[in-house]
N, C-alpha and C. Protein backbone atom coordinates (compact mmCIF):
# COMPACT_ATOMS: atom_id res chain seq x y z
N MET A 1 -3.93 -57.35 9.54
CA MET A 1 -5.00 -56.82 8.76
C MET A 1 -5.63 -55.61 9.46
N MET A 2 -5.78 -55.72 10.75
CA MET A 2 -6.38 -54.64 11.52
C MET A 2 -5.46 -53.42 11.55
N LEU A 3 -4.16 -53.67 11.63
CA LEU A 3 -3.22 -52.56 11.68
C LEU A 3 -3.18 -51.79 10.37
N SER A 4 -3.25 -52.46 9.26
CA SER A 4 -3.21 -51.78 7.97
C SER A 4 -4.48 -50.95 7.76
N ASN A 5 -5.59 -51.44 8.27
CA ASN A 5 -6.85 -50.71 8.16
C ASN A 5 -6.79 -49.42 8.97
N GLU A 6 -6.22 -49.48 10.19
CA GLU A 6 -6.07 -48.30 11.03
C GLU A 6 -5.08 -47.32 10.41
N ALA A 7 -4.01 -47.86 9.85
CA ALA A 7 -3.02 -47.00 9.20
C ALA A 7 -3.63 -46.29 7.99
N ALA A 8 -4.47 -46.99 7.27
CA ALA A 8 -5.13 -46.38 6.10
C ALA A 8 -6.08 -45.28 6.55
N LYS A 9 -6.80 -45.51 7.64
CA LYS A 9 -7.70 -44.48 8.17
C LYS A 9 -6.91 -43.27 8.65
N ARG A 10 -5.79 -43.52 9.31
CA ARG A 10 -4.94 -42.43 9.80
C ARG A 10 -4.39 -41.61 8.63
N GLN A 11 -3.96 -42.30 7.57
CA GLN A 11 -3.46 -41.59 6.39
C GLN A 11 -4.56 -40.77 5.74
N GLU A 12 -5.75 -41.35 5.67
CA GLU A 12 -6.88 -40.63 5.09
C GLU A 12 -7.22 -39.39 5.92
N LEU A 13 -7.16 -39.51 7.24
CA LEU A 13 -7.42 -38.39 8.13
C LEU A 13 -6.37 -37.29 7.95
N GLU A 14 -5.10 -37.71 7.89
CA GLU A 14 -4.02 -36.73 7.66
C GLU A 14 -4.18 -36.01 6.33
N LYS A 15 -4.58 -36.76 5.32
CA LYS A 15 -4.79 -36.18 3.99
C LYS A 15 -5.91 -35.13 4.02
N LYS A 16 -7.00 -35.44 4.74
CA LYS A 16 -8.10 -34.48 4.87
C LYS A 16 -7.67 -33.24 5.64
N GLN A 17 -6.86 -33.43 6.69
CA GLN A 17 -6.37 -32.29 7.46
C GLN A 17 -5.47 -31.39 6.61
N ILE A 18 -4.62 -32.02 5.80
CA ILE A 18 -3.74 -31.24 4.93
C ILE A 18 -4.56 -30.47 3.90
N GLN A 19 -5.57 -31.12 3.32
CA GLN A 19 -6.42 -30.42 2.35
C GLN A 19 -7.20 -29.29 3.01
N ALA A 20 -7.66 -29.50 4.25
CA ALA A 20 -8.37 -28.45 4.96
C ALA A 20 -7.44 -27.27 5.26
N ALA A 21 -6.20 -27.58 5.65
CA ALA A 21 -5.22 -26.53 5.93
C ALA A 21 -4.89 -25.75 4.65
N MET A 22 -4.75 -26.47 3.55
CA MET A 22 -4.47 -25.79 2.27
C MET A 22 -5.64 -24.90 1.87
N ALA A 23 -6.86 -25.37 2.08
CA ALA A 23 -8.04 -24.55 1.76
C ALA A 23 -8.12 -23.33 2.68
N GLU A 24 -7.76 -23.51 3.94
CA GLU A 24 -7.75 -22.38 4.88
C GLU A 24 -6.74 -21.33 4.46
N CYS A 25 -5.54 -21.78 4.10
CA CYS A 25 -4.51 -20.84 3.62
C CYS A 25 -4.97 -20.13 2.36
N GLN A 26 -5.56 -20.87 1.45
CA GLN A 26 -6.03 -20.28 0.20
C GLN A 26 -7.13 -19.25 0.47
N GLY A 27 -7.99 -19.54 1.43
CA GLY A 27 -9.04 -18.59 1.80
C GLY A 27 -8.47 -17.30 2.35
N HIS A 28 -7.44 -17.42 3.22
CA HIS A 28 -6.78 -16.22 3.75
C HIS A 28 -6.10 -15.43 2.62
N LEU A 29 -5.48 -16.15 1.69
CA LEU A 29 -4.81 -15.47 0.58
C LEU A 29 -5.82 -14.75 -0.31
N ASN A 30 -6.95 -15.37 -0.57
CA ASN A 30 -7.98 -14.72 -1.38
C ASN A 30 -8.55 -13.49 -0.68
N ALA A 31 -8.63 -13.55 0.64
CA ALA A 31 -9.15 -12.40 1.40
C ALA A 31 -8.17 -11.24 1.43
N MET A 32 -6.89 -11.50 1.15
CA MET A 32 -5.87 -10.45 1.22
C MET A 32 -5.93 -9.47 0.06
N ARG A 33 -6.63 -9.82 -1.00
CA ARG A 33 -6.66 -8.96 -2.18
C ARG A 33 -7.48 -7.71 -1.91
N GLY A 34 -6.87 -6.56 -2.08
CA GLY A 34 -7.59 -5.30 -1.99
C GLY A 34 -7.92 -4.83 -0.58
N VAL A 35 -7.22 -5.31 0.44
CA VAL A 35 -7.50 -4.86 1.81
C VAL A 35 -6.46 -3.82 2.24
N GLN A 36 -6.73 -3.18 3.36
CA GLN A 36 -5.81 -2.20 3.92
C GLN A 36 -4.57 -2.91 4.48
N PRO A 37 -3.46 -2.18 4.62
CA PRO A 37 -2.21 -2.81 5.09
C PRO A 37 -2.31 -3.50 6.44
N ALA A 38 -3.04 -2.92 7.39
CA ALA A 38 -3.15 -3.55 8.70
C ALA A 38 -3.87 -4.89 8.60
N GLU A 39 -4.94 -4.92 7.81
CA GLU A 39 -5.68 -6.17 7.62
C GLU A 39 -4.85 -7.19 6.85
N ALA A 40 -4.09 -6.73 5.87
CA ALA A 40 -3.22 -7.63 5.10
C ALA A 40 -2.16 -8.26 6.01
N GLU A 41 -1.64 -7.47 6.94
CA GLU A 41 -0.63 -7.99 7.86
C GLU A 41 -1.24 -9.07 8.76
N LYS A 42 -2.47 -8.83 9.24
CA LYS A 42 -3.15 -9.84 10.08
C LYS A 42 -3.40 -11.13 9.30
N LEU A 43 -3.86 -10.98 8.06
CA LEU A 43 -4.13 -12.16 7.25
C LEU A 43 -2.85 -12.93 6.92
N LYS A 44 -1.76 -12.19 6.69
CA LYS A 44 -0.48 -12.86 6.43
C LYS A 44 -0.06 -13.66 7.66
N GLN A 45 -0.27 -13.07 8.83
CA GLN A 45 0.09 -13.79 10.06
C GLN A 45 -0.77 -15.04 10.23
N ARG A 46 -2.02 -14.97 9.83
CA ARG A 46 -2.89 -16.16 9.90
C ARG A 46 -2.38 -17.25 8.96
N VAL A 47 -1.93 -16.86 7.78
CA VAL A 47 -1.37 -17.85 6.84
C VAL A 47 -0.13 -18.50 7.45
N VAL A 48 0.75 -17.69 8.03
CA VAL A 48 1.97 -18.22 8.65
C VAL A 48 1.62 -19.14 9.81
N ASP A 49 0.63 -18.75 10.63
CA ASP A 49 0.22 -19.59 11.75
C ASP A 49 -0.36 -20.92 11.27
N THR A 50 -1.14 -20.87 10.22
CA THR A 50 -1.72 -22.11 9.67
C THR A 50 -0.63 -23.03 9.16
N ILE A 51 0.36 -22.46 8.50
CA ILE A 51 1.48 -23.27 7.99
C ILE A 51 2.25 -23.90 9.14
N LYS A 52 2.42 -23.15 10.23
CA LYS A 52 3.14 -23.69 11.39
C LYS A 52 2.35 -24.79 12.10
N ARG A 53 1.02 -24.65 12.11
CA ARG A 53 0.19 -25.65 12.78
C ARG A 53 0.20 -26.99 12.08
N TYR A 54 0.39 -26.97 10.77
CA TYR A 54 0.37 -28.21 9.98
C TYR A 54 1.74 -28.41 9.32
N PRO A 55 2.67 -29.04 10.03
CA PRO A 55 4.02 -29.21 9.49
C PRO A 55 4.10 -30.18 8.32
N LYS A 56 3.04 -30.96 8.09
CA LYS A 56 3.09 -31.94 7.00
C LYS A 56 2.59 -31.37 5.67
N LEU A 57 2.36 -30.07 5.62
CA LEU A 57 1.98 -29.46 4.34
C LEU A 57 3.14 -29.59 3.36
N PRO A 58 2.87 -29.74 2.09
CA PRO A 58 3.94 -29.83 1.11
C PRO A 58 4.80 -28.56 1.10
N MET A 59 6.10 -28.75 0.94
CA MET A 59 7.03 -27.62 1.00
C MET A 59 6.76 -26.60 -0.10
N ASP A 60 6.42 -27.07 -1.31
CA ASP A 60 6.16 -26.12 -2.40
C ASP A 60 4.92 -25.28 -2.11
N PHE A 61 3.91 -25.86 -1.45
CA PHE A 61 2.72 -25.09 -1.07
C PHE A 61 3.07 -24.06 -0.02
N LYS A 62 3.89 -24.45 0.96
CA LYS A 62 4.31 -23.51 2.00
C LYS A 62 5.03 -22.31 1.39
N GLN A 63 5.96 -22.59 0.50
CA GLN A 63 6.73 -21.51 -0.13
C GLN A 63 5.83 -20.61 -0.98
N MET A 64 4.91 -21.23 -1.73
CA MET A 64 4.00 -20.47 -2.57
C MET A 64 3.09 -19.59 -1.71
N ALA A 65 2.55 -20.14 -0.62
CA ALA A 65 1.65 -19.38 0.25
C ALA A 65 2.38 -18.22 0.91
N ASN A 66 3.60 -18.46 1.38
CA ASN A 66 4.37 -17.38 2.00
C ASN A 66 4.70 -16.28 0.98
N ALA A 67 5.08 -16.68 -0.22
CA ALA A 67 5.43 -15.70 -1.26
C ALA A 67 4.21 -14.87 -1.66
N LYS A 68 3.06 -15.52 -1.83
CA LYS A 68 1.84 -14.78 -2.19
C LYS A 68 1.42 -13.84 -1.07
N ALA A 69 1.47 -14.33 0.17
CA ALA A 69 1.08 -13.49 1.30
C ALA A 69 1.98 -12.26 1.39
N ARG A 70 3.26 -12.47 1.17
CA ARG A 70 4.21 -11.35 1.21
C ARG A 70 3.93 -10.35 0.09
N SER A 71 3.66 -10.85 -1.11
CA SER A 71 3.42 -9.95 -2.23
C SER A 71 2.09 -9.20 -2.06
N TYR A 72 1.06 -9.87 -1.54
CA TYR A 72 -0.21 -9.18 -1.31
C TYR A 72 -0.06 -8.09 -0.24
N GLU A 73 0.71 -8.38 0.80
CA GLU A 73 0.95 -7.36 1.83
C GLU A 73 1.74 -6.19 1.25
N CYS A 74 2.71 -6.51 0.38
CA CYS A 74 3.49 -5.47 -0.28
C CYS A 74 2.59 -4.59 -1.14
N PHE A 75 1.70 -5.20 -1.93
CA PHE A 75 0.79 -4.43 -2.78
C PHE A 75 -0.14 -3.56 -1.94
N ALA A 76 -0.60 -4.07 -0.80
CA ALA A 76 -1.47 -3.28 0.07
C ALA A 76 -0.74 -2.04 0.56
N ASN A 77 0.51 -2.19 0.94
CA ASN A 77 1.29 -1.05 1.40
C ASN A 77 1.60 -0.08 0.26
N MET A 78 1.83 -0.62 -0.93
CA MET A 78 2.08 0.25 -2.08
C MET A 78 0.84 1.08 -2.40
N ARG A 79 -0.32 0.44 -2.39
CA ARG A 79 -1.57 1.16 -2.66
C ARG A 79 -1.82 2.23 -1.61
N ALA A 80 -1.59 1.89 -0.34
CA ALA A 80 -1.83 2.85 0.74
C ALA A 80 -0.87 4.04 0.64
N ALA A 81 0.38 3.78 0.29
CA ALA A 81 1.35 4.87 0.13
C ALA A 81 0.94 5.78 -1.03
N ASP A 82 0.53 5.18 -2.13
CA ASP A 82 0.11 5.96 -3.30
C ASP A 82 -1.11 6.81 -2.97
N TYR A 83 -2.09 6.22 -2.29
CA TYR A 83 -3.30 6.96 -1.93
C TYR A 83 -2.96 8.12 -0.99
N ALA A 84 -2.11 7.86 0.00
CA ALA A 84 -1.73 8.91 0.96
C ALA A 84 -1.00 10.05 0.24
N LEU A 85 -0.16 9.72 -0.74
CA LEU A 85 0.55 10.76 -1.47
C LEU A 85 -0.40 11.58 -2.35
N HIS A 86 -1.39 10.92 -2.94
CA HIS A 86 -2.39 11.67 -3.73
C HIS A 86 -3.17 12.63 -2.84
N GLU A 87 -3.56 12.15 -1.66
CA GLU A 87 -4.29 13.01 -0.73
C GLU A 87 -3.39 14.15 -0.23
N ALA A 88 -2.12 13.86 0.01
CA ALA A 88 -1.18 14.90 0.45
C ALA A 88 -1.02 15.97 -0.62
N MET A 89 -0.97 15.54 -1.88
CA MET A 89 -0.87 16.51 -2.98
C MET A 89 -2.12 17.38 -3.03
N ARG A 90 -3.27 16.77 -2.84
CA ARG A 90 -4.52 17.53 -2.86
C ARG A 90 -4.54 18.53 -1.71
N MET A 91 -4.09 18.13 -0.55
CA MET A 91 -4.03 19.04 0.61
C MET A 91 -3.02 20.15 0.37
N ALA A 92 -1.89 19.82 -0.22
CA ALA A 92 -0.86 20.83 -0.47
C ALA A 92 -1.37 21.86 -1.49
N GLN A 93 -2.11 21.41 -2.48
CA GLN A 93 -2.64 22.33 -3.48
C GLN A 93 -3.69 23.26 -2.90
N SER A 94 -4.38 22.80 -1.85
CA SER A 94 -5.37 23.67 -1.21
C SER A 94 -4.77 24.38 0.01
N HIS A 95 -3.45 24.38 0.12
CA HIS A 95 -2.68 25.11 1.13
C HIS A 95 -3.00 24.65 2.56
N GLN A 96 -3.26 23.37 2.75
CA GLN A 96 -3.46 22.80 4.07
C GLN A 96 -2.20 22.01 4.42
N MET A 97 -1.19 22.72 4.84
CA MET A 97 0.14 22.13 4.97
C MET A 97 0.26 21.16 6.15
N LYS A 98 -0.46 21.40 7.24
CA LYS A 98 -0.36 20.47 8.37
C LYS A 98 -0.92 19.09 8.00
N GLU A 99 -2.06 19.09 7.34
CA GLU A 99 -2.65 17.83 6.92
C GLU A 99 -1.78 17.14 5.87
N SER A 100 -1.21 17.95 4.99
CA SER A 100 -0.33 17.41 3.96
C SER A 100 0.90 16.75 4.59
N SER A 101 1.48 17.41 5.57
CA SER A 101 2.66 16.85 6.24
C SER A 101 2.32 15.55 6.96
N LYS A 102 1.15 15.51 7.58
CA LYS A 102 0.72 14.29 8.27
C LYS A 102 0.56 13.14 7.28
N LEU A 103 -0.04 13.42 6.13
CA LEU A 103 -0.22 12.39 5.11
C LEU A 103 1.11 11.95 4.50
N ILE A 104 2.05 12.87 4.36
CA ILE A 104 3.38 12.49 3.86
C ILE A 104 4.05 11.53 4.84
N GLY A 105 3.90 11.79 6.14
CA GLY A 105 4.45 10.88 7.15
C GLY A 105 3.85 9.49 7.05
N GLU A 106 2.52 9.43 6.89
CA GLU A 106 1.86 8.13 6.73
C GLU A 106 2.36 7.43 5.47
N ALA A 107 2.47 8.18 4.38
CA ALA A 107 2.92 7.60 3.11
C ALA A 107 4.34 7.06 3.24
N ARG A 108 5.18 7.78 3.94
CA ARG A 108 6.56 7.29 4.12
C ARG A 108 6.59 5.99 4.92
N GLY A 109 5.71 5.86 5.91
CA GLY A 109 5.63 4.61 6.67
C GLY A 109 5.21 3.45 5.79
N PHE A 110 4.17 3.66 4.98
CA PHE A 110 3.73 2.61 4.06
C PHE A 110 4.81 2.31 3.02
N PHE A 111 5.50 3.36 2.58
CA PHE A 111 6.58 3.21 1.60
C PHE A 111 7.70 2.33 2.16
N ARG A 112 8.11 2.62 3.39
CA ARG A 112 9.19 1.82 4.01
C ARG A 112 8.77 0.36 4.15
N LYS A 113 7.52 0.15 4.57
CA LYS A 113 7.04 -1.22 4.75
C LYS A 113 7.01 -1.95 3.40
N ALA A 114 6.54 -1.26 2.35
CA ALA A 114 6.49 -1.88 1.02
C ALA A 114 7.89 -2.21 0.52
N MET A 115 8.84 -1.33 0.76
CA MET A 115 10.21 -1.59 0.32
C MET A 115 10.81 -2.78 1.09
N SER A 116 10.48 -2.90 2.38
CA SER A 116 11.01 -4.04 3.14
C SER A 116 10.38 -5.35 2.70
N LEU A 117 9.17 -5.26 2.12
CA LEU A 117 8.49 -6.48 1.65
C LEU A 117 8.86 -6.83 0.21
N GLY A 118 9.68 -6.01 -0.42
CA GLY A 118 10.17 -6.37 -1.75
C GLY A 118 9.57 -5.59 -2.90
N ALA A 119 9.16 -4.36 -2.67
CA ALA A 119 8.65 -3.54 -3.78
C ALA A 119 9.79 -3.24 -4.75
N ASP A 120 9.45 -3.08 -6.01
CA ASP A 120 10.49 -2.89 -7.02
C ASP A 120 11.03 -1.46 -7.02
N LYS A 121 12.11 -1.27 -7.75
CA LYS A 121 12.80 0.03 -7.80
C LYS A 121 11.96 1.10 -8.49
N GLU A 122 11.10 0.69 -9.42
CA GLU A 122 10.24 1.66 -10.10
C GLU A 122 9.28 2.31 -9.10
N PHE A 123 8.73 1.50 -8.20
CA PHE A 123 7.85 2.06 -7.16
C PHE A 123 8.63 3.00 -6.27
N GLN A 124 9.83 2.63 -5.92
CA GLN A 124 10.66 3.48 -5.07
C GLN A 124 10.90 4.83 -5.73
N ALA A 125 11.28 4.82 -6.99
CA ALA A 125 11.55 6.07 -7.69
C ALA A 125 10.28 6.91 -7.83
N ALA A 126 9.17 6.28 -8.15
CA ALA A 126 7.91 7.01 -8.30
C ALA A 126 7.46 7.63 -6.98
N ALA A 127 7.56 6.87 -5.91
CA ALA A 127 7.14 7.39 -4.60
C ALA A 127 8.04 8.53 -4.14
N GLU A 128 9.34 8.41 -4.38
CA GLU A 128 10.25 9.50 -4.00
C GLU A 128 9.96 10.76 -4.80
N ARG A 129 9.64 10.60 -6.09
CA ARG A 129 9.27 11.77 -6.91
C ARG A 129 7.99 12.41 -6.41
N LYS A 130 7.01 11.58 -6.07
CA LYS A 130 5.74 12.13 -5.57
C LYS A 130 5.94 12.88 -4.25
N ILE A 131 6.74 12.32 -3.36
CA ILE A 131 7.01 12.99 -2.08
C ILE A 131 7.68 14.33 -2.34
N GLU A 132 8.64 14.34 -3.24
CA GLU A 132 9.34 15.58 -3.58
C GLU A 132 8.37 16.61 -4.17
N ASN A 133 7.49 16.17 -5.05
CA ASN A 133 6.51 17.08 -5.65
C ASN A 133 5.56 17.65 -4.62
N VAL A 134 5.12 16.81 -3.69
CA VAL A 134 4.21 17.29 -2.66
C VAL A 134 4.91 18.32 -1.78
N LEU A 135 6.16 18.06 -1.46
CA LEU A 135 6.90 19.00 -0.61
C LEU A 135 7.12 20.34 -1.30
N MET A 136 7.21 20.35 -2.61
CA MET A 136 7.42 21.61 -3.34
C MET A 136 6.11 22.30 -3.69
N THR A 137 4.98 21.67 -3.42
CA THR A 137 3.69 22.23 -3.79
C THR A 137 3.07 22.96 -2.61
N GLY A 138 2.48 24.10 -2.87
CA GLY A 138 1.69 24.82 -1.87
C GLY A 138 2.53 25.47 -0.81
N GLY A 139 1.82 26.03 0.16
CA GLY A 139 2.49 26.66 1.29
C GLY A 139 2.84 28.12 1.07
N ILE A 140 2.76 28.60 -0.14
CA ILE A 140 3.13 29.98 -0.42
C ILE A 140 1.89 30.68 -0.96
N LEU A 141 1.34 31.53 -0.15
CA LEU A 141 0.17 32.29 -0.57
C LEU A 141 0.60 33.70 -0.93
N PRO A 142 0.30 34.16 -2.13
CA PRO A 142 0.65 35.53 -2.49
C PRO A 142 -0.22 36.51 -1.70
N LYS A 143 0.42 37.49 -1.07
CA LYS A 143 -0.30 38.46 -0.25
C LYS A 143 -0.49 39.79 -0.95
N GLY A 144 0.07 39.95 -2.07
CA GLY A 144 -0.07 41.20 -2.79
C GLY A 144 0.92 41.24 -3.93
N PRO A 145 1.11 42.41 -4.51
CA PRO A 145 2.05 42.52 -5.63
C PRO A 145 3.49 42.30 -5.16
N THR A 146 4.27 41.68 -6.01
CA THR A 146 5.69 41.46 -5.73
C THR A 146 6.49 42.03 -6.89
N VAL A 147 7.78 41.96 -6.77
CA VAL A 147 8.64 42.45 -7.84
C VAL A 147 8.42 41.61 -9.09
N ALA A 148 8.24 40.30 -8.89
CA ALA A 148 8.04 39.42 -10.03
C ALA A 148 6.67 39.62 -10.68
N LYS A 149 5.68 39.96 -9.86
CA LYS A 149 4.33 40.15 -10.38
C LYS A 149 3.75 41.45 -9.83
N PRO A 150 4.17 42.56 -10.37
CA PRO A 150 3.62 43.83 -9.87
C PRO A 150 2.19 44.04 -10.39
N VAL A 151 1.50 44.93 -9.72
CA VAL A 151 0.17 45.28 -10.18
C VAL A 151 0.34 46.07 -11.46
N PHE A 152 -0.37 45.68 -12.46
CA PHE A 152 -0.21 46.30 -13.76
C PHE A 152 -1.30 47.33 -13.95
N HIS A 153 -0.90 48.60 -13.97
CA HIS A 153 -1.84 49.69 -14.20
C HIS A 153 -1.58 50.27 -15.57
N THR A 154 -2.57 50.22 -16.39
CA THR A 154 -2.44 50.85 -17.69
C THR A 154 -3.13 52.20 -17.64
N PRO A 155 -2.47 53.19 -18.14
CA PRO A 155 -3.13 54.50 -18.15
C PRO A 155 -4.29 54.48 -19.15
N LYS A 156 -5.33 55.20 -18.78
CA LYS A 156 -6.48 55.25 -19.65
C LYS A 156 -6.14 56.06 -20.89
N ASN A 157 -6.58 55.60 -21.99
CA ASN A 157 -6.35 56.28 -23.27
C ASN A 157 -7.46 57.31 -23.47
N PRO A 158 -7.10 58.57 -23.50
CA PRO A 158 -8.15 59.60 -23.65
C PRO A 158 -8.77 59.61 -25.04
N HIS A 159 -8.13 58.97 -25.99
CA HIS A 159 -8.62 58.99 -27.37
C HIS A 159 -9.47 57.77 -27.69
N CYS A 160 -9.82 57.00 -26.67
CA CYS A 160 -10.60 55.77 -26.90
C CYS A 160 -12.09 56.09 -26.74
N ALA A 161 -12.90 55.51 -27.55
CA ALA A 161 -14.32 55.77 -27.51
C ALA A 161 -14.97 55.17 -26.27
N LYS A 162 -14.36 54.13 -25.69
CA LYS A 162 -14.94 53.44 -24.55
C LYS A 162 -14.46 54.03 -23.22
N ALA A 163 -13.74 55.08 -23.25
CA ALA A 163 -13.20 55.65 -22.03
C ALA A 163 -14.21 56.31 -21.23
């Protein structure tokens, strides 16, 4: 009788620990929404560490938590790449090529990380198009008349009343 009572208490304690671990993982997953990639990576690592600390967590919960953490980290990297490319385009349009090149490098890093985390092909195509557009934008400042755009001088009309 005493042994079954202790076993019941032990089971109840394990159940509470599992529920606490699941709540901790869920809290980390909720915190991952809308954060920067570095913070998302830290939170994903916390989820993985929590799962490793509690081996008795249900397998379907472990898989779901890992999949969500991976997708949230992927989305964070996708957002960061998109933002960096928008800023690079803005810099390229204002002829600040050094800053634009630096932002393109950052965007490529976020892009590679997002692709390794499972970003879809549509994101890949869109990001590659944006990078290409940024590289073709700006950097050429007209210094004067060219063959394509000569200075247009119209002779004054002596027969005009406004001359």
